[in-house]
PDB file of N, CA and C in Angstrom:
ATOM      1  N   MET A   1     107.384 110.490 113.648  1.00  0.00           N
ATOM      2  CA  MET A   1     106.396 112.073 113.532  1.00  0.00           C
ATOM      3  C   MET A   1     107.023 112.575 113.742  1.00  0.00           C
ATOM      4  N   THR A   2     108.042 113.257 114.659  1.00  0.00           N
ATOM      5  CA  THR A   2     109.247 113.986 114.664  1.00  0.00           C
ATOM      6  C   THR A   2     109.945 114.694 113.422  1.00  0.00           C
ATOM      7  N   ALA A   3     110.828 113.126 113.332  1.00  0.00           N
ATOM      8  CA  ALA A   3     111.797 113.366 111.869  1.00  0.00           C
ATOM      9  C   ALA A   3     110.896 113.712 110.442  1.00  0.00           C
ATOM     10  N   LEU A   4     109.558 113.500 110.478  1.00  0.00           N
ATOM     11  CA  LEU A   4     108.881 113.759 109.294  1.00  0.00           C
ATOM     12  C   LEU A   4     108.769 115.011 109.544  1.00  0.00           C
ATOM     13  N   ASN A   5     108.315 115.782 110.553  1.00  0.00           N
ATOM     14  CA  ASN A   5     109.076 117.336 110.486  1.00  0.00           C
ATOM     15  C   ASN A   5     109.709 117.763 110.703  1.00  0.00           C
ATOM     16  N   GLU A   6     110.765 116.963 110.746  1.00  0.00           N
ATOM     17  CA  GLU A   6     112.221 117.739 110.367  1.00  0.00           C
ATOM     18  C   GLU A   6     112.624 117.260 108.919  1.00  0.00           C
ATOM     19  N   SER A   7     111.694 117.175 108.191  1.00  0.00           N
ATOM     20  CA  SER A   7     111.945 116.916 106.664  1.00  0.00           C
ATOM     21  C   SER A   7     113.360 115.499 106.630  1.00  0.00           C
ATOM     22  N   LEU A   8     113.574 114.533 107.207  1.00  0.00           N
ATOM     23  CA  LEU A   8     114.795 113.900 106.943  1.00  0.00           C
ATOM     24  C   LEU A   8     114.181 112.666 105.985  1.00  0.00           C
ATOM     25  N   PRO A   9     114.852 112.256 105.029  1.00  0.00           N
ATOM     26  CA  PRO A   9     115.019 111.505 103.717  1.00  0.00           C
ATOM     27  C   PRO A   9     113.837 110.477 103.994  1.00  0.00           C
ATOM     28  N   TYR A  10     112.801 110.109 104.632  1.00  0.00           N
ATOM     29  CA  TYR A  10     112.759 108.612 104.548  1.00  0.00           C
ATOM     30  C   TYR A  10     111.916 108.654 103.759  1.00  0.00           C
ATOM     31  N   ARG A  11     111.716 107.322 102.895  1.00  0.00           N
ATOM     32  CA  ARG A  11     110.857 106.800 101.859  1.00  0.00           C
ATOM     33  C   ARG A  11     109.750 105.734 102.175  1.00  0.00           C
ATOM     34  N   PHE A  12     110.320 105.131 103.202  1.00  0.00           N
ATOM     35  CA  PHE A  12     108.825 104.226 103.732  1.00  0.00           C
ATOM     36  C   PHE A  12     108.716 104.417 105.679  1.00  0.00           C
ATOM     37  N   VAL A  13     107.518 105.009 105.591  1.00  0.00           N
ATOM     38  CA  VAL A  13     106.926 104.348 106.675  1.00  0.00           C
ATOM     39  C   VAL A  13     106.393 104.265 107.482  1.00  0.00           C
ATOM     40  N   GLN A  14     106.337 103.248 108.787  1.00  0.00           N
ATOM     41  CA  GLN A  14     105.937 102.382 109.055  1.00  0.00           C
ATOM     42  C   GLN A  14     105.164 102.307 110.132  1.00  0.00           C
ATOM     43  N   ILE A  15     103.652 102.105 110.697  1.00  0.00           N
ATOM     44  CA  ILE A  15     103.042 102.280 111.723  1.00  0.00           C
ATOM     45  C   ILE A  15     101.927 102.093 112.175  1.00  0.00           C
ATOM     46  N   ALA A  16     101.079 101.879 113.336  1.00  0.00           N
ATOM     47  CA  ALA A  16     100.289 101.008 113.231  1.00  0.00           C
ATOM     48  C   ALA A  16      98.904 102.201 112.765  1.00  0.00           C
ATOM     49  N   ASN A  17      97.926 101.885 112.538  1.00  0.00           N
ATOM     50  CA  ASN A  17      96.744 102.679 111.778  1.00  0.00           C
ATOM     51  C   ASN A  17      95.593 101.669 111.930  1.00  0.00           C
ATOM     52  N   THR A  18      94.931 102.084 112.968  1.00  0.00           N
ATOM     53  CA  THR A  18      93.625 101.765 113.225  1.00  0.00           C
ATOM     54  C   THR A  18      92.570 102.895 113.672  1.00  0.00           C
ATOM     55  N   PRO A  19      91.144 102.718 113.950  1.00  0.00           N
ATOM     56  CA  PRO A  19      90.623 103.747 114.270  1.00  0.00           C
ATOM     57  C   PRO A  19      90.925 104.675 115.395  1.00  0.00           C
ATOM     58  N   LEU A  20      91.386 103.108 116.360  1.00  0.00           N
ATOM     59  CA  LEU A  20      92.173 103.624 117.911  1.00  0.00           C
ATOM     60  C   LEU A  20      93.135 104.747 117.997  1.00  0.00           C
ATOM     61  N   GLU A  21      93.908 104.389 116.931  1.00  0.00           N
ATOM     62  CA  GLU A  21      95.165 104.308 116.830  1.00  0.00           C
ATOM     63  C   GLU A  21      95.428 105.461 115.291  1.00  0.00           C
ATOM     64  N   PRO A  22      94.255 106.745 115.423  1.00  0.00           N
ATOM     65  CA  PRO A  22      94.896 107.158 113.183  1.00  0.00           C
ATOM     66  C   PRO A  22      96.057 107.434 113.057  1.00  0.00           C
ATOM     67  N   ASN A  23      97.086 106.977 113.741  1.00  0.00           N
ATOM     68  CA  ASN A  23      98.245 107.769 113.263  1.00  0.00           C
ATOM     69  C   ASN A  23      98.795 108.492 111.458  1.00  0.00           C
ATOM     70  N   LEU A  24      98.120 107.426 111.124  1.00  0.00           N
ATOM     71  CA  LEU A  24      98.397 107.717 109.688  1.00  0.00           C
ATOM     72  C   LEU A  24      97.663 109.157 109.126  1.00  0.00           C
ATOM     73  N   GLY A  25      96.665 109.489 109.725  1.00  0.00           N
ATOM     74  CA  GLY A  25      96.098 110.798 109.315  1.00  0.00           C
ATOM     75  C   GLY A  25      96.836 111.925 109.753  1.00  0.00           C
ATOM     76  N   LYS A  26      97.195 111.740 111.165  1.00  0.00           N
ATOM     77  CA  LYS A  26      98.795 112.510 111.979  1.00  0.00           C
ATOM     78  C   LYS A  26      99.725 112.805 110.837  1.00  0.00           C
ATOM     79  N   LEU A  27     100.286 111.899 110.403  1.00  0.00           N
ATOM     80  CA  LEU A  27     101.471 111.602 109.697  1.00  0.00           C
ATOM     81  C   LEU A  27     101.243 112.107 108.143  1.00  0.00           C
ATOM     82  N   LYS A  28     100.184 112.086 107.479  1.00  0.00           N
ATOM     83  CA  LYS A  28      99.910 112.836 106.296  1.00  0.00           C
ATOM     84  C   LYS A  28      99.652 114.165 106.248  1.00  0.00           C
ATOM     85  N   GLU A  29      99.477 114.594 107.160  1.00  0.00           N
ATOM     86  CA  GLU A  29      99.664 116.064 107.921  1.00  0.00           C
ATOM     87  C   GLU A  29     101.261 116.723 107.454  1.00  0.00           C
ATOM     88  N   HIS A  30     101.493 116.227 107.576  1.00  0.00           N
ATOM     89  CA  HIS A  30     103.366 116.263 107.391  1.00  0.00           C
ATOM     90  C   HIS A  30     104.206 115.588 106.239  1.00  0.00           C
ATOM     91  N   ALA A  31     103.122 114.466 105.423  1.00  0.00           N
ATOM     92  CA  ALA A  31     104.161 113.630 104.409  1.00  0.00           C
ATOM     93  C   ALA A  31     104.713 114.669 103.241  1.00  0.00           C
ATOM     94  N   HIS A  32     105.532 113.826 102.571  1.00  0.00           N
ATOM     95  CA  HIS A  32     106.294 114.398 101.603  1.00  0.00           C
ATOM     96  C   HIS A  32     105.510 113.379 100.331  1.00  0.00           C
ATOM     97  N   ARG A  33     105.635 113.766  99.506  1.00  0.00           N
ATOM     98  CA  ARG A  33     104.831 113.224  98.281  1.00  0.00           C
ATOM     99  C   ARG A  33     105.359 112.055  98.161  1.00  0.00           C
ATOM    100  N   HIS A  34     106.680 111.426  98.469  1.00  0.00           N
ATOM    101  CA  HIS A  34     107.572 110.804  97.644  1.00  0.00           C
ATOM    102  C   HIS A  34     107.964 109.938  98.707  1.00  0.00           C
ATOM    103  N   ARG A  35     106.647 109.723  99.910  1.00  0.00           N
ATOM    104  CA  ARG A  35     107.264 108.512 100.684  1.00  0.00           C
ATOM    105  C   ARG A  35     105.397 107.507 101.087  1.00  0.00           C
ATOM    106  N   THR A  36     106.143 106.354 101.530  1.00  0.00           N
ATOM    107  CA  THR A  36     105.195 105.533 101.020  1.00  0.00           C
ATOM    108  C   THR A  36     105.252 104.848 102.180  1.00  0.00           C
ATOM    109  N   PHE A  37     103.735 104.719 102.779  1.00  0.00           N
ATOM    110  CA  PHE A  37     103.538 104.534 104.565  1.00  0.00           C
ATOM    111  C   PHE A  37     102.596 103.075 104.295  1.00  0.00           C
ATOM    112  N   VAL A  38     103.389 102.282 105.356  1.00  0.00           N
ATOM    113  CA  VAL A  38     103.096 100.863 105.630  1.00  0.00           C
ATOM    114  C   VAL A  38     102.302 100.916 107.117  1.00  0.00           C
ATOM    115  N   THR A  39     101.540 100.004 106.790  1.00  0.00           N
ATOM    116  CA  THR A  39     100.399 100.532 108.231  1.00  0.00           C
ATOM    117  C   THR A  39     100.282  98.962 108.605  1.00  0.00           C
ATOM    118  N   TYR A  40      99.722  98.598 110.146  1.00  0.00           N
ATOM    119  CA  TYR A  40      99.813  97.329 110.390  1.00  0.00           C
ATOM    120  C   TYR A  40      98.646  97.267 111.712  1.00  0.00           C
ATOM    121  N   GLY A  41      98.606  96.668 112.736  1.00  0.00           N
ATOM    122  CA  GLY A  41      97.270  96.507 113.670  1.00  0.00           C
ATOM    123  C   GLY A  41      96.142  96.337 113.648  1.00  0.00           C
ATOM    124  N   THR A  42      95.319  96.334 112.036  1.00  0.00           N
ATOM    125  CA  THR A  42      94.224  96.281 111.556  1.00  0.00           C
ATOM    126  C   THR A  42      93.519  95.637 112.464  1.00  0.00           C
ATOM    127  N   PHE A  43      93.460  94.659 113.466  1.00  0.00           N
ATOM    128  CA  PHE A  43      92.146  93.891 114.413  1.00  0.00           C
ATOM    129  C   PHE A  43      92.963  94.080 115.616  1.00  0.00           C
ATOM    130  N   SER A  44      94.238  95.221 115.665  1.00  0.00           N
ATOM    131  CA  SER A  44      94.532  95.231 117.319  1.00  0.00           C
ATOM    132  C   SER A  44      93.874  96.002 118.213  1.00  0.00           C
ATOM    133  N   GLY A  45      92.860  96.047 118.290  1.00  0.00           N
ATOM    134  CA  GLY A  45      91.381  96.862 119.248  1.00  0.00           C
ATOM    135  C   GLY A  45      90.073  96.552 119.065  1.00  0.00           C
ATOM    136  N   LEU A  46      89.987  95.086 118.139  1.00  0.00           N
ATOM    137  CA  LEU A  46      88.834  94.363 117.929  1.00  0.00           C
ATOM    138  C   LEU A  46      87.980  94.442 119.347  1.00  0.00           C
ATOM    139  N   ASP A  47      87.949  93.921 120.312  1.00  0.00           N
ATOM    140  CA  ASP A  47      87.913  93.628 121.176  1.00  0.00           C
ATOM    141  C   ASP A  47      86.829  94.687 122.214  1.00  0.00           C
ATOM    142  N   ARG A  48      87.219  95.828 121.778  1.00  0.00           N
ATOM    143  CA  ARG A  48      87.525  97.525 121.989  1.00  0.00           C
ATOM    144  C   ARG A  48      86.132  97.895 121.129  1.00  0.00           C
ATOM    145  N   ILE A  49      86.448  97.670 120.425  1.00  0.00           N
ATOM    146  CA  ILE A  49      85.530  98.030 119.029  1.00  0.00           C
ATOM    147  C   ILE A  49      84.618  97.269 119.244  1.00  0.00           C
ATOM    148  N   VAL A  50      84.004  96.435 119.607  1.00  0.00           N
ATOM    149  CA  VAL A  50      83.410  95.160 119.743  1.00  0.00           C
ATOM    150  C   VAL A  50      82.181  95.717 120.866  1.00  0.00           C
ATOM    151  N   ALA A  51      82.908  96.136 122.049  1.00  0.00           N
ATOM    152  CA  ALA A  51      82.111  96.494 122.789  1.00  0.00           C
ATOM    153  C   ALA A  51      81.592  97.663 122.773  1.00  0.00           C
ATOM    154  N   LYS A  52      82.447  98.749 122.164  1.00  0.00           N
ATOM    155  CA  LYS A  52      81.442 100.038 121.824  1.00  0.00           C
ATOM    156  C   LYS A  52      80.355  99.842 120.681  1.00  0.00           C
ATOM    157  N   PHE A  53      80.394  98.769 119.964  1.00  0.00           N
ATOM    158  CA  PHE A  53      79.287  98.583 118.786  1.00  0.00           C
ATOM    159  C   PHE A  53      78.123  97.960 119.980  1.00  0.00           C
ATOM    160  N   ASN A  54      78.277  97.137 120.698  1.00  0.00           N
ATOM    161  CA  ASN A  54      77.587  96.912 121.441  1.00  0.00           C
ATOM    162  C   ASN A  54      76.303  97.447 122.835  1.00  0.00           C
ATOM    163  N   ALA A  55      78.047  98.794 122.771  1.00  0.00           N
ATOM    164  CA  ALA A  55      76.869  99.531 123.956  1.00  0.00           C
ATOM    165  C   ALA A  55      76.379 101.018 123.109  1.00  0.00           C
ATOM    166  N   GLN A  56      76.551 100.697 121.699  1.00  0.00           N
ATOM    167  CA  GLN A  56      75.840 102.016 120.938  1.00  0.00           C
ATOM    168  C   GLN A  56      75.038 101.071 119.753  1.00  0.00           C
ATOM    169  N   LYS A  57      74.168 100.957 120.138  1.00  0.00           N
ATOM    170  CA  LYS A  57      73.603  99.486 119.031  1.00  0.00           C
ATOM    171  C   LYS A  57      73.049 100.972 117.506  1.00  0.00           C
ATOM    172  N   GLU A  58      72.820 102.111 118.147  1.00  0.00           N
ATOM    173  CA  GLU A  58      72.667 102.680 117.038  1.00  0.00           C
ATOM    174  C   GLU A  58      73.882 102.755 115.702  1.00  0.00           C
ATOM    175  N   ILE A  59      75.435 102.802 116.422  1.00  0.00           N
ATOM    176  CA  ILE A  59      76.218 102.616 115.705  1.00  0.00           C
ATOM    177  C   ILE A  59      76.397 101.227 114.634  1.00  0.00           C
ATOM    178  N   LEU A  60      75.820 100.097 115.244  1.00  0.00           N
ATOM    179  CA  LEU A  60      75.354  98.896 114.529  1.00  0.00           C
ATOM    180  C   LEU A  60      74.025  99.059 112.863  1.00  0.00           C
ATOM    181  N   GLY A  61      73.666  99.510 113.613  1.00  0.00           N
ATOM    182  CA  GLY A  61      72.120 100.276 112.859  1.00  0.00           C
ATOM    183  C   GLY A  61      72.778 101.006 111.453  1.00  0.00           C
ATOM    184  N   ALA A  62      73.796 102.193 111.939  1.00  0.00           N
ATOM    185  CA  ALA A  62      74.538 102.511 110.602  1.00  0.00           C
ATOM    186  C   ALA A  62      75.575 102.018 110.184  1.00  0.00           C
ATOM    187  N   LEU A  63      75.919 100.844 110.494  1.00  0.00           N
ATOM    188  CA  LEU A  63      76.704  99.995 109.848  1.00  0.00           C
ATOM    189  C   LEU A  63      75.944  99.035 108.919  1.00  0.00           C
ATOM    190  N   GLY A  64      75.327  98.932 109.683  1.00  0.00           N
ATOM    191  CA  GLY A  64      73.996  97.788 108.629  1.00  0.00           C
ATOM    192  C   GLY A  64      73.523  98.438 107.510  1.00  0.00           C
ATOM    193  N   GLU A  65      73.037 100.055 107.583  1.00  0.00           N
ATOM    194  CA  GLU A  65      72.767 100.858 106.308  1.00  0.00           C
ATOM    195  C   GLU A  65      73.515 100.735 105.216  1.00  0.00           C
ATOM    196  N   LEU A  66      75.095 100.404 105.745  1.00  0.00           N
ATOM    197  CA  LEU A  66      76.189 100.533 104.751  1.00  0.00           C
ATOM    198  C   LEU A  66      76.329  98.799 104.235  1.00  0.00           C
ATOM    199  N   GLY A  67      75.921  98.383 104.345  1.00  0.00           N
ATOM    200  CA  GLY A  67      75.807  96.584 104.287  1.00  0.00           C
ATOM    201  C   GLY A  67      76.409  95.789 104.803  1.00  0.00           C
ATOM    202  N   TYR A  68      76.962  96.250 106.134  1.00  0.00           N
ATOM    203  CA  TYR A  68      77.482  95.515 106.780  1.00  0.00           C
ATOM    204  C   TYR A  68      76.549  94.465 107.612  1.00  0.00           C
ATOM    205  N   ARG A  69      77.324  92.731 107.689  1.00  0.00           N
ATOM    206  CA  ARG A  69      75.998  92.273 108.153  1.00  0.00           C
ATOM    207  C   ARG A  69      76.910  91.387 108.948  1.00  0.00           C
ATOM    208  N   GLY A  70      76.054  90.650 109.828  1.00  0.00           N
ATOM    209  CA  GLY A  70      76.229  89.615 110.719  1.00  0.00           C
ATOM    210  C   GLY A  70      76.892  89.911 112.444  1.00  0.00           C
ATOM    211  N   SER A  71      77.076  89.210 113.215  1.00  0.00           N
ATOM    212  CA  SER A  71      77.508  89.284 115.127  1.00  0.00           C
ATOM    213  C   SER A  71      78.484  90.635 115.299  1.00  0.00           C
ATOM    214  N   PRO A  72      78.306  91.713 115.966  1.00  0.00           N
ATOM    215  CA  PRO A  72      79.402  92.374 116.124  1.00  0.00           C
ATOM    216  C   PRO A  72      80.435  92.341 115.830  1.00  0.00           C
ATOM    217  N   THR A  73      80.965  90.998 116.525  1.00  0.00           N
ATOM    218  CA  THR A  73      82.083  90.726 115.965  1.00  0.00           C
ATOM    219  C   THR A  73      81.967  90.595 114.567  1.00  0.00           C
ATOM    220  N   GLU A  74      81.663  89.979 113.722  1.00  0.00           N
ATOM    221  CA  GLU A  74      82.140  89.860 112.675  1.00  0.00           C
ATOM    222  C   GLU A  74      81.581  91.297 112.135  1.00  0.00           C
ATOM    223  N   ILE A  75      80.712  92.481 112.148  1.00  0.00           N
ATOM    224  CA  ILE A  75      80.833  93.608 111.538  1.00  0.00           C
ATOM    225  C   ILE A  75      82.033  94.119 111.687  1.00  0.00           C
ATOM    226  N   ALA A  76      82.525  94.311 113.162  1.00  0.00           N
ATOM    227  CA  ALA A  76      83.855  94.961 113.273  1.00  0.00           C
ATOM    228  C   ALA A  76      85.090  94.389 112.101  1.00  0.00           C
ATOM    229  N   VAL A  77      85.239  93.249 112.249  1.00  0.00           N
ATOM    230  CA  VAL A  77      86.256  92.819 111.582  1.00  0.00           C
ATOM    231  C   VAL A  77      86.445  92.708 109.753  1.00  0.00           C
ATOM    232  N   ALA A  78      85.360  93.392 109.490  1.00  0.00           N
ATOM    233  CA  ALA A  78      85.160  93.561 108.457  1.00  0.00           C
ATOM    234  C   ALA A  78      85.370  95.436 108.315  1.00  0.00           C
ATOM    235  N   PHE A  79      84.512  96.069 109.442  1.00  0.00           N
ATOM    236  CA  PHE A  79      84.910  97.445 109.521  1.00  0.00           C
ATOM    237  C   PHE A  79      85.979  97.701 109.489  1.00  0.00           C
ATOM    238  N   LEU A  80      86.785  97.386 110.542  1.00  0.00           N
ATOM    239  CA  LEU A  80      88.607  97.240 110.533  1.00  0.00           C
ATOM    240  C   LEU A  80      89.606  97.230 109.406  1.00  0.00           C
ATOM    241  N   ALA A  81      88.776  96.075 109.078  1.00  0.00           N
ATOM    242  CA  ALA A  81      89.743  95.931 106.760  1.00  0.00           C
ATOM    243  C   ALA A  81      89.283  97.082 106.028  1.00  0.00           C
ATOM    244  N   ASP A  82      88.568  97.078 106.247  1.00  0.00           N
ATOM    245  CA  ASP A  82      87.828  98.505 105.180  1.00  0.00           C
ATOM    246  C   ASP A  82      88.996  99.553 105.823  1.00  0.00           C
ATOM    247  N   TYR A  83      88.858 100.026 107.233  1.00  0.00           N
ATOM    248  CA  TYR A  83      88.929 101.128 107.493  1.00  0.00           C
ATOM    249  C   TYR A  83      91.017 101.389 107.371  1.00  0.00           C
ATOM    250  N   ALA A  84      91.309 100.002 107.166  1.00  0.00           N
ATOM    251  CA  ALA A  84      92.875  99.779 107.037  1.00  0.00           C
ATOM    252  C   ALA A  84      93.056  99.988 105.398  1.00  0.00           C
ATOM    253  N   PHE A  85      92.256  99.015 104.571  1.00  0.00           N
ATOM    254  CA  PHE A  85      92.552  99.685 103.153  1.00  0.00           C
ATOM    255  C   PHE A  85      92.186 100.688 103.042  1.00  0.00           C
ATOM    256  N   ALA A  86      90.982 101.642 103.141  1.00  0.00           N
ATOM    257  CA  ALA A  86      90.847 103.023 103.260  1.00  0.00           C
ATOM    258  C   ALA A  86      91.419 103.940 103.230  1.00  0.00           C
ATOM    259  N   THR A  87      92.096 103.921 104.394  1.00  0.00           N
ATOM    260  CA  THR A  87      92.928 105.011 105.065  1.00  0.00           C
ATOM    261  C   THR A  87      93.994 105.188 103.959  1.00  0.00           C
ATOM    262  N   ASN A  88      94.567 103.886 103.569  1.00  0.00           N
ATOM    263  CA  ASN A  88      95.993 103.688 103.145  1.00  0.00           C
ATOM    264  C   ASN A  88      96.173 102.971 101.953  1.00  0.00           C
ATOM    265  N   SER A  89      94.810 103.925 100.961  1.00  0.00           N
ATOM    266  CA  SER A  89      94.837 103.191 100.059  1.00  0.00           C
ATOM    267  C   SER A  89      96.301 103.440  98.892  1.00  0.00           C
ATOM    268  N   ALA A  90      96.775 104.406  98.925  1.00  0.00           N
ATOM    269  CA  ALA A  90      98.136 105.042  98.036  1.00  0.00           C
ATOM    270  C   ALA A  90      98.932 103.876  98.773  1.00  0.00           C
ATOM    271  N   GLY A  91      99.096 103.531  99.871  1.00  0.00           N
ATOM    272  CA  GLY A  91     100.365 102.274 100.561  1.00  0.00           C
ATOM    273  C   GLY A  91     100.276 101.003 100.761  1.00  0.00           C
ATOM    274  N   VAL A  92     101.003 100.599 101.752  1.00  0.00           N
ATOM    275  CA  VAL A  92     100.791  99.329 101.733  1.00  0.00           C
ATOM    276  C   VAL A  92      99.976  98.752 103.496  1.00  0.00           C
ATOM    277  N   THR A  93      99.318  98.130 103.625  1.00  0.00           N
ATOM    278  CA  THR A  93      98.622  97.434 104.665  1.00  0.00           C
ATOM    279  C   THR A  93      98.959  95.946 105.021  1.00  0.00           C
ATOM    280  N   LEU A  94      99.569  95.913 105.996  1.00  0.00           N
ATOM    281  CA  LEU A  94      99.992  94.750 106.472  1.00  0.00           C
ATOM    282  C   LEU A  94      99.103  94.118 107.132  1.00  0.00           C
ATOM    283  N   VAL A  95      98.892  93.191 106.728  1.00  0.00           N
ATOM    284  CA  VAL A  95      97.436  91.929 107.484  1.00  0.00           C
ATOM    285  C   VAL A  95      97.927  90.431 107.435  1.00  0.00           C
ATOM    286  N   SER A  96      97.981  89.874 108.708  1.00  0.00           N
ATOM    287  CA  SER A  96      98.306  88.434 108.969  1.00  0.00           C
ATOM    288  C   SER A  96      97.338  88.041 108.153  1.00  0.00           C
ATOM    289  N   MET A  97      97.944  86.158 107.157  1.00  0.00           N
ATOM    290  CA  MET A  97      96.600  85.658 106.689  1.00  0.00           C
ATOM    291  C   MET A  97      97.393  84.023 106.968  1.00  0.00           C
ATOM    292  N   PHE A  98      96.384  82.930 107.673  1.00  0.00           N
ATOM    293  CA  PHE A  98      97.182  81.863 108.196  1.00  0.00           C
ATOM    294  C   PHE A  98      96.134  81.219 107.777  1.00  0.00           C
ATOM    295  N   LYS A  99      95.239  81.312 106.569  1.00  0.00           N
ATOM    296  CA  LYS A  99      94.854  80.456 105.797  1.00  0.00           C
ATOM    297  C   LYS A  99      94.073  80.996 104.391  1.00  0.00           C
ATOM    298  N   LYS A 100      93.441  79.989 103.513  1.00  0.00           N
ATOM    299  CA  LYS A 100      92.961  80.729 102.320  1.00  0.00           C
ATOM    300  C   LYS A 100      91.608  81.145 102.807  1.00  0.00           C
ATOM    301  N   GLU A 101      91.372  81.240 103.882  1.00  0.00           N
ATOM    302  CA  GLU A 101      90.000  82.057 103.615  1.00  0.00           C
ATOM    303  C   GLU A 101      90.185  83.641 104.122  1.00  0.00           C
ATOM    304  N   HIS A 102      91.389  83.656 104.928  1.00  0.00           N
ATOM    305  CA  HIS A 102      91.948  85.037 105.185  1.00  0.00           C
ATOM    306  C   HIS A 102      91.967  85.845 103.841  1.00  0.00           C
ATOM    307  N   LEU A 103      92.583  85.181 103.030  1.00  0.00           N
ATOM    308  CA  LEU A 103      93.113  85.921 101.910  1.00  0.00           C
ATOM    309  C   LEU A 103      91.629  86.070 101.414  1.00  0.00           C
ATOM    310  N   ASP A 104      90.985  84.792 101.427  1.00  0.00           N
ATOM    311  CA  ASP A 104      89.719  85.852 100.326  1.00  0.00           C
ATOM    312  C   ASP A 104      88.981  86.630 100.983  1.00  0.00           C
ATOM    313  N   PHE A 105      88.915  86.576 102.047  1.00  0.00           N
ATOM    314  CA  PHE A 105      88.093  87.442 103.092  1.00  0.00           C
ATOM    315  C   PHE A 105      88.832  89.091 102.503  1.00  0.00           C
ATOM    316  N   ASN A 106      90.107  89.341 102.646  1.00  0.00           N
ATOM    317  CA  ASN A 106      90.331  90.672 102.383  1.00  0.00           C
ATOM    318  C   ASN A 106      90.582  91.285 101.522  1.00  0.00           C
ATOM    319  N   LEU A 107      90.211  89.947  99.980  1.00  0.00           N
ATOM    320  CA  LEU A 107      89.876  90.552  99.078  1.00  0.00           C
ATOM    321  C   LEU A 107      88.909  90.842  98.391  1.00  0.00           C
ATOM    322  N   LEU A 108      87.638  90.273  98.944  1.00  0.00           N
ATOM    323  CA  LEU A 108      86.434  90.749  99.317  1.00  0.00           C
ATOM    324  C   LEU A 108      86.317  92.329  99.697  1.00  0.00           C
ATOM    325  N   ARG A 109      87.025  92.337 101.291  1.00  0.00           N
ATOM    326  CA  ARG A 109      86.782  93.920 101.436  1.00  0.00           C
ATOM    327  C   ARG A 109      87.317  95.096 100.433  1.00  0.00           C
ATOM    328  N   LEU A 110      88.503  94.315  99.681  1.00  0.00           N
ATOM    329  CA  LEU A 110      89.311  95.392  98.805  1.00  0.00           C
ATOM    330  C   LEU A 110      88.209  95.354  97.578  1.00  0.00           C
ATOM    331  N   LYS A 111      87.486  94.324  97.216  1.00  0.00           N
ATOM    332  CA  LYS A 111      86.154  94.720  96.061  1.00  0.00           C
ATOM    333  C   LYS A 111      85.365  95.531  96.680  1.00  0.00           C
ATOM    334  N   ASN A 112      84.686  95.545  98.262  1.00  0.00           N
ATOM    335  CA  ASN A 112      83.886  96.794  98.543  1.00  0.00           C
ATOM    336  C   ASN A 112      84.146  97.841  98.019  1.00  0.00           C
ATOM    337  N   ASP A 113      85.283  98.206  98.116  1.00  0.00           N
ATOM    338  CA  ASP A 113      85.801  99.419  97.922  1.00  0.00           C
ATOM    339  C   ASP A 113      85.482 100.266  98.751  1.00  0.00           C
ATOM    340  N   PRO A 114      86.144 100.443 100.589  1.00  0.00           N
ATOM    341  CA  PRO A 114      86.366 101.194 101.001  1.00  0.00           C
ATOM    342  C   PRO A 114      86.287 102.198 101.089  1.00  0.00           C
ATOM    343  N   THR A 115      85.580 103.630 101.584  1.00  0.00           N
ATOM    344  CA  THR A 115      86.043 104.853 100.668  1.00  0.00           C
ATOM    345  C   THR A 115      86.710 105.594 102.561  1.00  0.00           C
ATOM    346  N   PRO A 116      87.742 106.704 102.564  1.00  0.00           N
ATOM    347  CA  PRO A 116      87.857 107.099 104.265  1.00  0.00           C
ATOM    348  C   PRO A 116      86.609 107.551 104.522  1.00  0.00           C
ATOM    349  N   GLU A 117      85.715 108.395 103.421  1.00  0.00           N
ATOM    350  CA  GLU A 117      84.909 109.491 103.679  1.00  0.00           C
ATOM    351  C   GLU A 117      83.290 108.643 104.178  1.00  0.00           C
ATOM    352  N   ARG A 118      83.210 107.500 103.575  1.00  0.00           N
ATOM    353  CA  ARG A 118      82.306 106.670 104.110  1.00  0.00           C
ATOM    354  C   ARG A 118      82.435 106.018 105.600  1.00  0.00           C
ATOM    355  N   LEU A 119      83.870 105.979 105.927  1.00  0.00           N
ATOM    356  CA  LEU A 119      83.447 105.261 107.255  1.00  0.00           C
ATOM    357  C   LEU A 119      84.068 106.538 108.394  1.00  0.00           C
ATOM    358  N   ASN A 120      84.367 108.195 107.998  1.00  0.00           N
ATOM    359  CA  ASN A 120      84.752 108.591 108.640  1.00  0.00           C
ATOM    360  C   ASN A 120      83.767 108.939 109.721  1.00  0.00           C
ATOM    361  N   ALA A 121      82.244 109.056 109.467  1.00  0.00           N
ATOM    362  CA  ALA A 121      81.352 109.138 110.277  1.00  0.00           C
ATOM    363  C   ALA A 121      81.446 108.264 111.472  1.00  0.00           C
ATOM    364  N   LEU A 122      81.344 106.889 111.155  1.00  0.00           N
ATOM    365  CA  LEU A 122      81.520 106.196 112.184  1.00  0.00           C
ATOM    366  C   LEU A 122      82.917 106.288 112.703  1.00  0.00           C
ATOM    367  N   VAL A 123      84.005 106.489 112.616  1.00  0.00           N
ATOM    368  CA  VAL A 123      84.776 106.680 113.570  1.00  0.00           C
ATOM    369  C   VAL A 123      84.609 107.875 114.651  1.00  0.00           C
ATOM    370  N   ALA A 124      83.952 108.988 113.866  1.00  0.00           N
ATOM    371  CA  ALA A 124      83.600 110.199 114.857  1.00  0.00           C
ATOM    372  C   ALA A 124      82.533 109.735 116.325  1.00  0.00           C
ATOM    373  N   ALA A 125      81.562 108.646 115.732  1.00  0.00           N
ATOM    374  CA  ALA A 125      80.647 108.678 116.088  1.00  0.00           C
ATOM    375  C   ALA A 125      80.910 107.470 117.137  1.00  0.00           C
ATOM    376  N   LEU A 126      82.102 106.704 116.793  1.00  0.00           N
ATOM    377  CA  LEU A 126      82.136 105.469 118.034  1.00  0.00           C
ATOM    378  C   LEU A 126      83.384 106.453 118.868  1.00  0.00           C
ATOM    379  N   ASP A 127      83.724 107.879 118.795  1.00  0.00           N
ATOM    380  CA  ASP A 127      84.289 108.496 119.758  1.00  0.00           C
ATOM    381  C   ASP A 127      85.677 107.847 120.093  1.00  0.00           C
ATOM    382  N   MET A 128      86.241 106.893 118.974  1.00  0.00           N
ATOM    383  CA  MET A 128      87.615 106.275 119.382  1.00  0.00           C
ATOM    384  C   MET A 128      88.954 106.688 119.428  1.00  0.00           C
ATOM    385  N   VAL A 129      89.465 107.707 119.031  1.00  0.00           N
ATOM    386  CA  VAL A 129      90.274 108.791 118.597  1.00  0.00           C
ATOM    387  C   VAL A 129      90.800 109.080 120.398  1.00  0.00           C
TER     388      VAL A 129
END
């Protein structure tokens, strides 16, 4: 982040970006329009987020109203994928895919067309920052 503040000529910036580590939002404040962000870490906080969902049932209800279905873990996985894709829609999001089902899942999440506006209220409610 310091290097971006000093206007060094980095064209690609790779960082972790999750609701638990919303680094991309911080960096975009200092971003030059010719930078491409590569994000990773999509599922790194899965256990913590599932625990928050289980502790705050109203969040699961709000996610249900947005169309999320399944167990708290399934909902968290879909939410994290949506967050990763929505917050870096103009960049590159790295995800591990070991099976065809993983690719199918990610393509389905992209088709869902997640938007940051749709997810920001939930991130704030989870108090993950």
